[in-house]
Amino acid sequence: MGKISNGQVGVVAVLSRGNSAGLVGGQLYLPQAWSSDAARCAQARVPVAARSYRSKPEVAAALVDHLLGQGLVRADWVGGRRGLR
């Protein structure tokens, strides 16, 4: 209510089987406004290599590629869900 607040948005990978699920990967999402503000990123200690903008689906795809490519998980299929705002 009239306040500006900061929050963090994450993109996560969850592996599930039956009634069980577990978090297997995750990464913080960097909004486009932040990625173009070097001073803000430096103050927040965002590593230079992580300052380029990627959409949430792009971040999710990179997580899945990493997990499958490194053999860290096996999956018959991959699905996605857009979270709450």
Protein backbone atom coordinates (compact mmCIF):
# COMPACT_ATOMS: atom_id res chain seq x y z
CA MET A 1 0.00 0.00 0.00
CA GLY A 2 2.11 2.83 -1.31
CA LYS A 3 5.35 1.06 -0.51
CA ILE A 4 8.02 -0.21 -2.84
CA SER A 5 9.33 -3.55 -1.72
CA ASN A 6 12.03 -5.78 -3.02
CA GLY A 7 11.65 -9.48 -3.47
CA GLN A 8 13.40 -12.31 -5.17
CA VAL A 9 11.97 -14.45 -7.93
CA GLY A 10 13.38 -17.88 -8.49
CA VAL A 11 13.07 -20.47 -11.22
CA VAL A 12 13.19 -24.00 -9.83
CA ALA A 13 13.44 -27.55 -11.16
CA VAL A 14 11.53 -30.25 -9.33
CA LEU A 15 11.81 -33.97 -9.96
CA SER A 16 8.70 -35.97 -9.08
CA ARG A 17 7.61 -39.57 -9.05
CA GLY A 18 4.21 -40.62 -7.81
CA ASN A 19 3.44 -38.72 -4.62
CA SER A 20 7.05 -37.68 -4.01
CA ALA A 21 8.79 -34.56 -5.29
CA GLY A 22 12.12 -32.91 -4.62
CA LEU A 23 13.87 -29.72 -5.60
CA VAL A 24 16.81 -30.59 -7.87
CA GLY A 25 17.87 -27.18 -9.13
CA GLY A 26 17.15 -23.49 -9.02
CA GLN A 27 18.35 -20.07 -10.01
CA LEU A 28 17.37 -16.53 -9.14
CA TYR A 29 15.65 -14.63 -11.95
CA LEU A 30 17.17 -11.26 -12.85
CA PRO A 31 14.55 -8.82 -14.22
CA GLN A 32 15.36 -6.99 -17.44
CA ALA A 33 15.43 -3.62 -15.64
CA TRP A 34 18.19 -4.94 -13.39
CA SER A 35 20.26 -6.53 -16.13
CA SER A 36 20.72 -3.17 -17.83
CA ASP A 37 21.68 -1.35 -14.60
CA ALA A 38 25.34 -2.17 -13.90
CA ALA A 39 25.50 -0.04 -10.74
CA ARG A 40 22.47 -1.73 -9.23
CA CYS A 41 23.87 -5.18 -10.07
CA ALA A 42 27.24 -4.27 -8.57
CA GLN A 43 25.61 -3.01 -5.37
CA ALA A 44 23.58 -6.23 -5.10
CA ARG A 45 26.74 -8.27 -5.83
CA VAL A 46 25.28 -9.94 -8.91
CA PRO A 47 28.22 -11.65 -10.65
CA VAL A 48 29.13 -10.07 -14.00
CA ALA A 49 28.58 -13.40 -15.78
CA ALA A 50 24.98 -13.53 -14.50
CA ARG A 51 23.93 -10.02 -15.53
CA SER A 52 22.60 -10.75 -19.00
CA TYR A 53 18.82 -10.88 -19.25
CA ARG A 54 17.12 -14.23 -19.81
CA SER A 55 13.37 -14.77 -19.63
CA LYS A 56 12.03 -17.21 -17.03
CA PRO A 57 11.41 -19.91 -19.68
CA GLU A 58 15.01 -19.44 -20.91
CA VAL A 59 16.33 -19.82 -17.36
CA ALA A 60 14.17 -22.95 -16.90
CA ALA A 61 15.40 -24.46 -20.18
CA ALA A 62 19.02 -23.84 -19.15
CA LEU A 63 18.38 -25.56 -15.80
CA VAL A 64 16.87 -28.60 -17.53
CA ASP A 65 19.69 -28.72 -20.09
CA HIS A 66 22.27 -28.62 -17.30
CA LEU A 67 20.59 -31.30 -15.18
CA LEU A 68 20.03 -33.69 -18.10
CA GLY A 69 23.31 -32.89 -19.86
CA GLN A 70 25.39 -33.58 -16.77
CA GLY A 71 23.49 -36.80 -16.07
CA LEU A 72 22.33 -35.45 -12.72
CA VAL A 73 18.74 -36.54 -13.35
CA ARG A 74 16.85 -38.73 -15.78
CA ALA A 75 13.44 -37.79 -17.12
CA ASP A 76 10.96 -39.30 -19.55
CA TRP A 77 9.36 -35.91 -20.12
CA VAL A 78 9.65 -32.32 -18.93
CA GLY A 79 6.76 -29.97 -18.16
CA GLY A 80 6.49 -26.40 -17.06
CA ARG A 81 4.11 -24.22 -15.15
CA ARG A 82 3.86 -20.51 -14.96
CA GLY A 83 3.82 -19.48 -11.32
CA LEU A 84 1.81 -16.90 -9.46
CA ARG A 85 2.69 -13.25 -9.85
